[in-house]
PDB file of N, CA and C in Angstrom:
ATOM      1  N   MET A   1       3.698  10.384 -17.660  1.00  0.00           N
ATOM      2  CA  MET A   1       2.571  10.523 -16.771  1.00  0.00           C
ATOM      3  C   MET A   1       1.666  11.627 -17.321  1.00  0.00           C
ATOM      4  N   ASN A   2       0.373  11.351 -17.367  1.00  0.00           N
ATOM      5  CA  ASN A   2      -0.625  12.308 -17.830  1.00  0.00           C
ATOM      6  C   ASN A   2      -1.467  12.770 -16.656  1.00  0.00           C
ATOM      7  N   THR A   3      -1.899  14.014 -16.700  1.00  0.00           N
ATOM      8  CA  THR A   3      -2.750  14.555 -15.647  1.00  0.00           C
ATOM      9  C   THR A   3      -4.100  14.931 -16.243  1.00  0.00           C
ATOM     10  N   PHE A   4      -5.168  14.494 -15.582  1.00  0.00           N
ATOM     11  CA  PHE A   4      -6.528  14.771 -16.013  1.00  0.00           C
ATOM     12  C   PHE A   4      -7.310  15.378 -14.862  1.00  0.00           C
ATOM     13  N   TYR A   5      -8.358  16.081 -15.202  1.00  0.00           N
ATOM     14  CA  TYR A   5      -9.246  16.689 -14.219  1.00  0.00           C
ATOM     15  C   TYR A   5     -10.413  15.740 -13.978  1.00  0.00           C
ATOM     16  N   ALA A   6     -10.739  15.491 -12.707  1.00  0.00           N
ATOM     17  CA  ALA A   6     -11.885  14.641 -12.342  1.00  0.00           C
ATOM     18  C   ALA A   6     -12.616  15.301 -11.183  1.00  0.00           C
ATOM     19  N   GLY A   7     -13.703  15.963 -11.482  1.00  0.00           N
ATOM     20  CA  GLY A   7     -14.462  16.618 -10.423  1.00  0.00           C
ATOM     21  C   GLY A   7     -13.650  17.709  -9.754  1.00  0.00           C
ATOM     22  N   HIS A   8     -13.478  17.614  -8.454  1.00  0.00           N
ATOM     23  CA  HIS A   8     -12.710  18.600  -7.689  1.00  0.00           C
ATOM     24  C   HIS A   8     -11.261  18.164  -7.496  1.00  0.00           C
ATOM     25  N   PHE A   9     -10.799  17.197  -8.283  1.00  0.00           N
ATOM     26  CA  PHE A   9      -9.480  16.606  -8.084  1.00  0.00           C
ATOM     27  C   PHE A   9      -8.734  16.469  -9.406  1.00  0.00           C
ATOM     28  N   ASN A  10      -7.407  16.374  -9.320  1.00  0.00           N
ATOM     29  CA  ASN A  10      -6.566  16.018 -10.454  1.00  0.00           C
ATOM     30  C   ASN A  10      -6.237  14.538 -10.347  1.00  0.00           C
ATOM     31  N   VAL A  11      -6.050  13.903 -11.500  1.00  0.00           N
ATOM     32  CA  VAL A  11      -5.672  12.491 -11.536  1.00  0.00           C
ATOM     33  C   VAL A  11      -4.402  12.364 -12.360  1.00  0.00           C
ATOM     34  N   ASP A  12      -3.342  11.861 -11.747  1.00  0.00           N
ATOM     35  CA  ASP A  12      -2.099  11.563 -12.454  1.00  0.00           C
ATOM     36  C   ASP A  12      -2.151  10.097 -12.854  1.00  0.00           C
ATOM     37  N   ILE A  13      -2.028   9.811 -14.168  1.00  0.00           N
ATOM     38  CA  ILE A  13      -2.122   8.435 -14.649  1.00  0.00           C
ATOM     39  C   ILE A  13      -0.788   8.006 -15.234  1.00  0.00           C
ATOM     40  N   GLU A  14      -0.314   6.860 -14.764  1.00  0.00           N
ATOM     41  CA  GLU A  14       0.938   6.271 -15.231  1.00  0.00           C
ATOM     42  C   GLU A  14       0.623   4.895 -15.807  1.00  0.00           C
ATOM     43  N   ILE A  15       1.174   4.595 -16.988  1.00  0.00           N
ATOM     44  CA  ILE A  15       0.881   3.340 -17.684  1.00  0.00           C
ATOM     45  C   ILE A  15       2.074   2.397 -17.558  1.00  0.00           C
ATOM     46  N   THR A  16       1.777   1.120 -17.260  1.00  0.00           N
ATOM     47  CA  THR A  16       2.816   0.091 -17.191  1.00  0.00           C
ATOM     48  C   THR A  16       2.346  -1.142 -17.954  1.00  0.00           C
ATOM     49  N   GLY A  17       3.286  -2.020 -18.256  1.00  0.00           N
ATOM     50  CA  GLY A  17       2.974  -3.281 -18.915  1.00  0.00           C
ATOM     51  C   GLY A  17       3.158  -3.210 -20.414  1.00  0.00           C
ATOM     52  N   ASP A  18       3.199  -4.400 -21.045  1.00  0.00           N
ATOM     53  CA  ASP A  18       3.294  -4.459 -22.496  1.00  0.00           C
ATOM     54  C   ASP A  18       2.184  -5.316 -23.071  1.00  0.00           C
ATOM     55  N   GLY A  19       1.131  -5.488 -22.399  1.00  0.00           N
ATOM     56  CA  GLY A  19      -0.049  -6.210 -22.868  1.00  0.00           C
ATOM     57  C   GLY A  19      -0.344  -7.362 -21.947  1.00  0.00           C
ATOM     58  N   PRO A  20      -1.386  -7.323 -21.200  1.00  0.00           N
ATOM     59  CA  PRO A  20      -2.325  -6.207 -21.048  1.00  0.00           C
ATOM     60  C   PRO A  20      -1.682  -5.039 -20.295  1.00  0.00           C
ATOM     61  N   PHE A  21      -2.187  -3.864 -20.567  1.00  0.00           N
ATOM     62  CA  PHE A  21      -1.658  -2.647 -19.965  1.00  0.00           C
ATOM     63  C   PHE A  21      -2.406  -2.320 -18.676  1.00  0.00           C
ATOM     64  N   VAL A  22      -1.692  -1.700 -17.751  1.00  0.00           N
ATOM     65  CA  VAL A  22      -2.277  -1.268 -16.482  1.00  0.00           C
ATOM     66  C   VAL A  22      -2.020   0.230 -16.343  1.00  0.00           C
ATOM     67  N   ALA A  23      -3.075   0.965 -16.029  1.00  0.00           N
ATOM     68  CA  ALA A  23      -2.959   2.406 -15.804  1.00  0.00           C
ATOM     69  C   ALA A  23      -3.290   2.678 -14.343  1.00  0.00           C
ATOM     70  N   ARG A  24      -2.319   3.220 -13.621  1.00  0.00           N
ATOM     71  CA  ARG A  24      -2.518   3.552 -12.201  1.00  0.00           C
ATOM     72  C   ARG A  24      -2.780   5.046 -12.098  1.00  0.00           C
ATOM     73  N   GLY A  25      -3.935   5.368 -11.535  1.00  0.00           N
ATOM     74  CA  GLY A  25      -4.306   6.768 -11.355  1.00  0.00           C
ATOM     75  C   GLY A  25      -4.255   7.150  -9.890  1.00  0.00           C
ATOM     76  N   THR A  26      -3.706   8.321  -9.602  1.00  0.00           N
ATOM     77  CA  THR A  26      -3.637   8.840  -8.239  1.00  0.00           C
ATOM     78  C   THR A  26      -4.426  10.137  -8.180  1.00  0.00           C
ATOM     79  N   LEU A  27      -5.453  10.172  -7.332  1.00  0.00           N
ATOM     80  CA  LEU A  27      -6.262  11.379  -7.173  1.00  0.00           C
ATOM     81  C   LEU A  27      -5.613  12.298  -6.160  1.00  0.00           C
ATOM     82  N   ARG A  28      -5.512  13.578  -6.534  1.00  0.00           N
ATOM     83  CA  ARG A  28      -4.905  14.603  -5.688  1.00  0.00           C
ATOM     84  C   ARG A  28      -5.805  15.841  -5.706  1.00  0.00           C
ATOM     85  N   PRO A  29      -5.749  16.651  -4.641  1.00  0.00           N
ATOM     86  CA  PRO A  29      -6.490  17.915  -4.661  1.00  0.00           C
ATOM     87  C   PRO A  29      -5.962  18.828  -5.770  1.00  0.00           C
ATOM     88  N   LEU A  30      -6.780  19.748  -6.222  1.00  0.00           N
ATOM     89  CA  LEU A  30      -6.354  20.670  -7.277  1.00  0.00           C
ATOM     90  C   LEU A  30      -5.190  21.540  -6.848  1.00  0.00           C
ATOM     91  N   TRP A  31      -5.096  21.857  -5.569  1.00  0.00           N
ATOM     92  CA  TRP A  31      -4.112  22.822  -5.093  1.00  0.00           C
ATOM     93  C   TRP A  31      -2.941  22.202  -4.336  1.00  0.00           C
ATOM     94  N   SER A  32      -2.833  20.877  -4.272  1.00  0.00           N
ATOM     95  CA  SER A  32      -1.673  20.268  -3.611  1.00  0.00           C
ATOM     96  C   SER A  32      -1.337  18.943  -4.283  1.00  0.00           C
ATOM     97  N   GLN A  33      -0.220  18.378  -3.920  1.00  0.00           N
ATOM     98  CA  GLN A  33       0.221  17.105  -4.485  1.00  0.00           C
ATOM     99  C   GLN A  33       0.004  15.937  -3.532  1.00  0.00           C
ATOM    100  N   GLU A  34      -0.792  16.139  -2.508  1.00  0.00           N
ATOM    101  CA  GLU A  34      -1.044  15.086  -1.526  1.00  0.00           C
ATOM    102  C   GLU A  34      -1.893  13.972  -2.155  1.00  0.00           C
ATOM    103  N   PRO A  35      -1.365  12.744  -2.249  1.00  0.00           N
ATOM    104  CA  PRO A  35      -2.165  11.654  -2.817  1.00  0.00           C
ATOM    105  C   PRO A  35      -3.287  11.256  -1.859  1.00  0.00           C
ATOM    106  N   LEU A  36      -4.499  11.188  -2.388  1.00  0.00           N
ATOM    107  CA  LEU A  36      -5.649  10.859  -1.553  1.00  0.00           C
ATOM    108  C   LEU A  36      -6.189   9.459  -1.822  1.00  0.00           C
ATOM    109  N   ARG A  37      -6.138   9.031  -3.067  1.00  0.00           N
ATOM    110  CA  ARG A  37      -6.734   7.747  -3.425  1.00  0.00           C
ATOM    111  C   ARG A  37      -6.131   7.264  -4.738  1.00  0.00           C
ATOM    112  N   SER A  38      -6.080   5.950  -4.922  1.00  0.00           N
ATOM    113  CA  SER A  38      -5.549   5.368  -6.154  1.00  0.00           C
ATOM    114  C   SER A  38      -6.599   4.498  -6.826  1.00  0.00           C
ATOM    115  N   VAL A  39      -6.517   4.430  -8.158  1.00  0.00           N
ATOM    116  CA  VAL A  39      -7.386   3.553  -8.940  1.00  0.00           C
ATOM    117  C   VAL A  39      -6.520   2.818  -9.960  1.00  0.00           C
ATOM    118  N   LEU A  40      -6.966   1.650 -10.380  1.00  0.00           N
ATOM    119  CA  LEU A  40      -6.261   0.862 -11.390  1.00  0.00           C
ATOM    120  C   LEU A  40      -7.204   0.539 -12.537  1.00  0.00           C
ATOM    121  N   GLY A  41      -6.757   0.830 -13.753  1.00  0.00           N
ATOM    122  CA  GLY A  41      -7.519   0.459 -14.941  1.00  0.00           C
ATOM    123  C   GLY A  41      -6.691  -0.486 -15.781  1.00  0.00           C
ATOM    124  N   GLN A  42      -7.337  -1.480 -16.379  1.00  0.00           N
ATOM    125  CA  GLN A  42      -6.639  -2.444 -17.222  1.00  0.00           C
ATOM    126  C   GLN A  42      -7.271  -2.461 -18.598  1.00  0.00           C
ATOM    127  N   GLY A  43      -6.447  -2.745 -19.613  1.00  0.00           N
ATOM    128  CA  GLY A  43      -6.958  -2.826 -20.966  1.00  0.00           C
ATOM    129  C   GLY A  43      -5.968  -3.509 -21.883  1.00  0.00           C
ATOM    130  N   ALA A  44      -6.458  -3.936 -23.043  1.00  0.00           N
ATOM    131  CA  ALA A  44      -5.608  -4.599 -24.026  1.00  0.00           C
ATOM    132  C   ALA A  44      -4.659  -3.604 -24.688  1.00  0.00           C
ATOM    133  N   THR A  45      -5.066  -2.340 -24.741  1.00  0.00           N
ATOM    134  CA  THR A  45      -4.217  -1.288 -25.299  1.00  0.00           C
ATOM    135  C   THR A  45      -4.009  -0.205 -24.242  1.00  0.00           C
ATOM    136  N   GLU A  46      -3.038   0.666 -24.502  1.00  0.00           N
ATOM    137  CA  GLU A  46      -2.802   1.776 -23.570  1.00  0.00           C
ATOM    138  C   GLU A  46      -4.035   2.661 -23.460  1.00  0.00           C
ATOM    139  N   ALA A  47      -4.681   2.925 -24.592  1.00  0.00           N
ATOM    140  CA  ALA A  47      -5.861   3.798 -24.593  1.00  0.00           C
ATOM    141  C   ALA A  47      -6.996   3.202 -23.762  1.00  0.00           C
ATOM    142  N   GLU A  48      -7.201   1.885 -23.871  1.00  0.00           N
ATOM    143  CA  GLU A  48      -8.246   1.232 -23.073  1.00  0.00           C
ATOM    144  C   GLU A  48      -7.929   1.301 -21.589  1.00  0.00           C
ATOM    145  N   ALA A  49      -6.674   1.115 -21.237  1.00  0.00           N
ATOM    146  CA  ALA A  49      -6.272   1.168 -19.827  1.00  0.00           C
ATOM    147  C   ALA A  49      -6.466   2.569 -19.263  1.00  0.00           C
ATOM    148  N   VAL A  50      -6.088   3.586 -20.026  1.00  0.00           N
ATOM    149  CA  VAL A  50      -6.266   4.969 -19.576  1.00  0.00           C
ATOM    150  C   VAL A  50      -7.750   5.297 -19.459  1.00  0.00           C
ATOM    151  N   ALA A  51      -8.547   4.861 -20.423  1.00  0.00           N
ATOM    152  CA  ALA A  51      -9.991   5.114 -20.369  1.00  0.00           C
ATOM    153  C   ALA A  51     -10.614   4.458 -19.143  1.00  0.00           C
ATOM    154  N   ALA A  52     -10.190   3.237 -18.837  1.00  0.00           N
ATOM    155  CA  ALA A  52     -10.712   2.538 -17.652  1.00  0.00           C
ATOM    156  C   ALA A  52     -10.301   3.262 -16.374  1.00  0.00           C
ATOM    157  N   ALA A  53      -9.055   3.706 -16.308  1.00  0.00           N
ATOM    158  CA  ALA A  53      -8.582   4.426 -15.119  1.00  0.00           C
ATOM    159  C   ALA A  53      -9.310   5.757 -14.963  1.00  0.00           C
ATOM    160  N   ARG A  54      -9.554   6.452 -16.065  1.00  0.00           N
ATOM    161  CA  ARG A  54     -10.279   7.729 -15.990  1.00  0.00           C
ATOM    162  C   ARG A  54     -11.717   7.525 -15.531  1.00  0.00           C
ATOM    163  N   GLU A  55     -12.353   6.469 -16.018  1.00  0.00           N
ATOM    164  CA  GLU A  55     -13.724   6.174 -15.592  1.00  0.00           C
ATOM    165  C   GLU A  55     -13.785   5.881 -14.095  1.00  0.00           C
ATOM    166  N   LEU A  56     -12.850   5.069 -13.613  1.00  0.00           N
ATOM    167  CA  LEU A  56     -12.797   4.767 -12.178  1.00  0.00           C
ATOM    168  C   LEU A  56     -12.453   6.013 -11.363  1.00  0.00           C
ATOM    169  N   ALA A  57     -11.574   6.853 -11.889  1.00  0.00           N
ATOM    170  CA  ALA A  57     -11.202   8.081 -11.183  1.00  0.00           C
ATOM    171  C   ALA A  57     -12.381   9.040 -11.084  1.00  0.00           C
ATOM    172  N   ASN A  58     -13.177   9.140 -12.144  1.00  0.00           N
ATOM    173  CA  ASN A  58     -14.362   9.999 -12.093  1.00  0.00           C
ATOM    174  C   ASN A  58     -15.349   9.505 -11.051  1.00  0.00           C
ATOM    175  N   ALA A  59     -15.545   8.188 -10.985  1.00  0.00           N
ATOM    176  CA  ALA A  59     -16.445   7.624  -9.971  1.00  0.00           C
ATOM    177  C   ALA A  59     -15.900   7.878  -8.567  1.00  0.00           C
ATOM    178  N   ALA A  60     -14.591   7.695  -8.392  1.00  0.00           N
ATOM    179  CA  ALA A  60     -13.979   7.926  -7.078  1.00  0.00           C
ATOM    180  C   ALA A  60     -14.064   9.398  -6.687  1.00  0.00           C
ATOM    181  N   ALA A  61     -13.856  10.298  -7.644  1.00  0.00           N
ATOM    182  CA  ALA A  61     -13.927  11.732  -7.353  1.00  0.00           C
ATOM    183  C   ALA A  61     -15.335  12.137  -6.939  1.00  0.00           C
ATOM    184  N   THR A  62     -16.337  11.572  -7.595  1.00  0.00           N
ATOM    185  CA  THR A  62     -17.722  11.859  -7.222  1.00  0.00           C
ATOM    186  C   THR A  62     -18.004  11.375  -5.811  1.00  0.00           C
ATOM    187  N   GLU A  63     -17.562  10.161  -5.519  1.00  0.00           N
ATOM    188  CA  GLU A  63     -17.753   9.603  -4.177  1.00  0.00           C
ATOM    189  C   GLU A  63     -17.027  10.445  -3.125  1.00  0.00           C
ATOM    190  N   MET A  64     -15.796  10.844  -3.438  1.00  0.00           N
ATOM    191  CA  MET A  64     -15.006  11.624  -2.486  1.00  0.00           C
ATOM    192  C   MET A  64     -15.625  12.995  -2.230  1.00  0.00           C
ATOM    193  N   SER A  65     -16.230  13.588  -3.251  1.00  0.00           N
ATOM    194  CA  SER A  65     -16.825  14.917  -3.068  1.00  0.00           C
ATOM    195  C   SER A  65     -18.033  14.867  -2.142  1.00  0.00           C
ATOM    196  N   LEU A  66     -18.618  13.693  -1.964  1.00  0.00           N
ATOM    197  CA  LEU A  66     -19.766  13.541  -1.069  1.00  0.00           C
ATOM    198  C   LEU A  66     -19.369  13.136   0.346  1.00  0.00           C
ATOM    199  N   MET A  67     -18.129  12.730   0.537  1.00  0.00           N
ATOM    200  CA  MET A  67     -17.677  12.268   1.847  1.00  0.00           C
ATOM    201  C   MET A  67     -17.152  13.440   2.675  1.00  0.00           C
ATOM    202  N   GLU A  68     -17.549  13.483   3.915  1.00  0.00           N
ATOM    203  CA  GLU A  68     -17.193  14.591   4.811  1.00  0.00           C
ATOM    204  C   GLU A  68     -15.679  14.730   4.991  1.00  0.00           C
ATOM    205  N   ARG A  69     -14.957  13.623   5.052  1.00  0.00           N
ATOM    206  CA  ARG A  69     -13.520  13.712   5.340  1.00  0.00           C
ATOM    207  C   ARG A  69     -12.706  14.339   4.206  1.00  0.00           C
ATOM    208  N   TYR A  70     -13.274  14.443   3.004  1.00  0.00           N
ATOM    209  CA  TYR A  70     -12.571  15.075   1.886  1.00  0.00           C
ATOM    210  C   TYR A  70     -13.041  16.505   1.634  1.00  0.00           C
ATOM    211  N   ARG A  71     -13.958  17.017   2.442  1.00  0.00           N
ATOM    212  CA  ARG A  71     -14.505  18.368   2.255  1.00  0.00           C
ATOM    213  C   ARG A  71     -13.426  19.448   2.289  1.00  0.00           C
ATOM    214  N   ARG A  72     -12.411  19.268   3.109  1.00  0.00           N
ATOM    215  CA  ARG A  72     -11.381  20.310   3.227  1.00  0.00           C
ATOM    216  C   ARG A  72     -10.522  20.432   1.968  1.00  0.00           C
ATOM    217  N   TYR A  73     -10.584  19.439   1.073  1.00  0.00           N
ATOM    218  CA  TYR A  73      -9.809  19.488  -0.163  1.00  0.00           C
ATOM    219  C   TYR A  73     -10.566  20.157  -1.299  1.00  0.00           C
ATOM    220  N   ILE A  74     -11.833  20.464  -1.061  1.00  0.00           N
ATOM    221  CA  ILE A  74     -12.669  21.056  -2.097  1.00  0.00           C
ATOM    222  C   ILE A  74     -12.794  22.550  -1.830  1.00  0.00           C
ATOM    223  N   ASP A  75     -12.540  23.343  -2.833  1.00  0.00           N
ATOM    224  CA  ASP A  75     -12.621  24.811  -2.686  1.00  0.00           C
ATOM    225  C   ASP A  75     -14.030  25.255  -2.420  1.00  0.00           C
TER     226      ASP A  75
END
């Protein structure tokens, strides 16, 4: 499992499959492990799947930072 930074959130990405690959990303606050949202990226290779999941996670993090219900998770 890899962890990446996306906006005000961390994204844990786990890869499954042997072709096509699926990368499941879980967005969490920077200071806790509470899962807030999930994204799925698919690709022919592991790198493509991770790139797709990171792109979706960045979009989700941007959207979440604008939503009132996620304000308490942002420092």
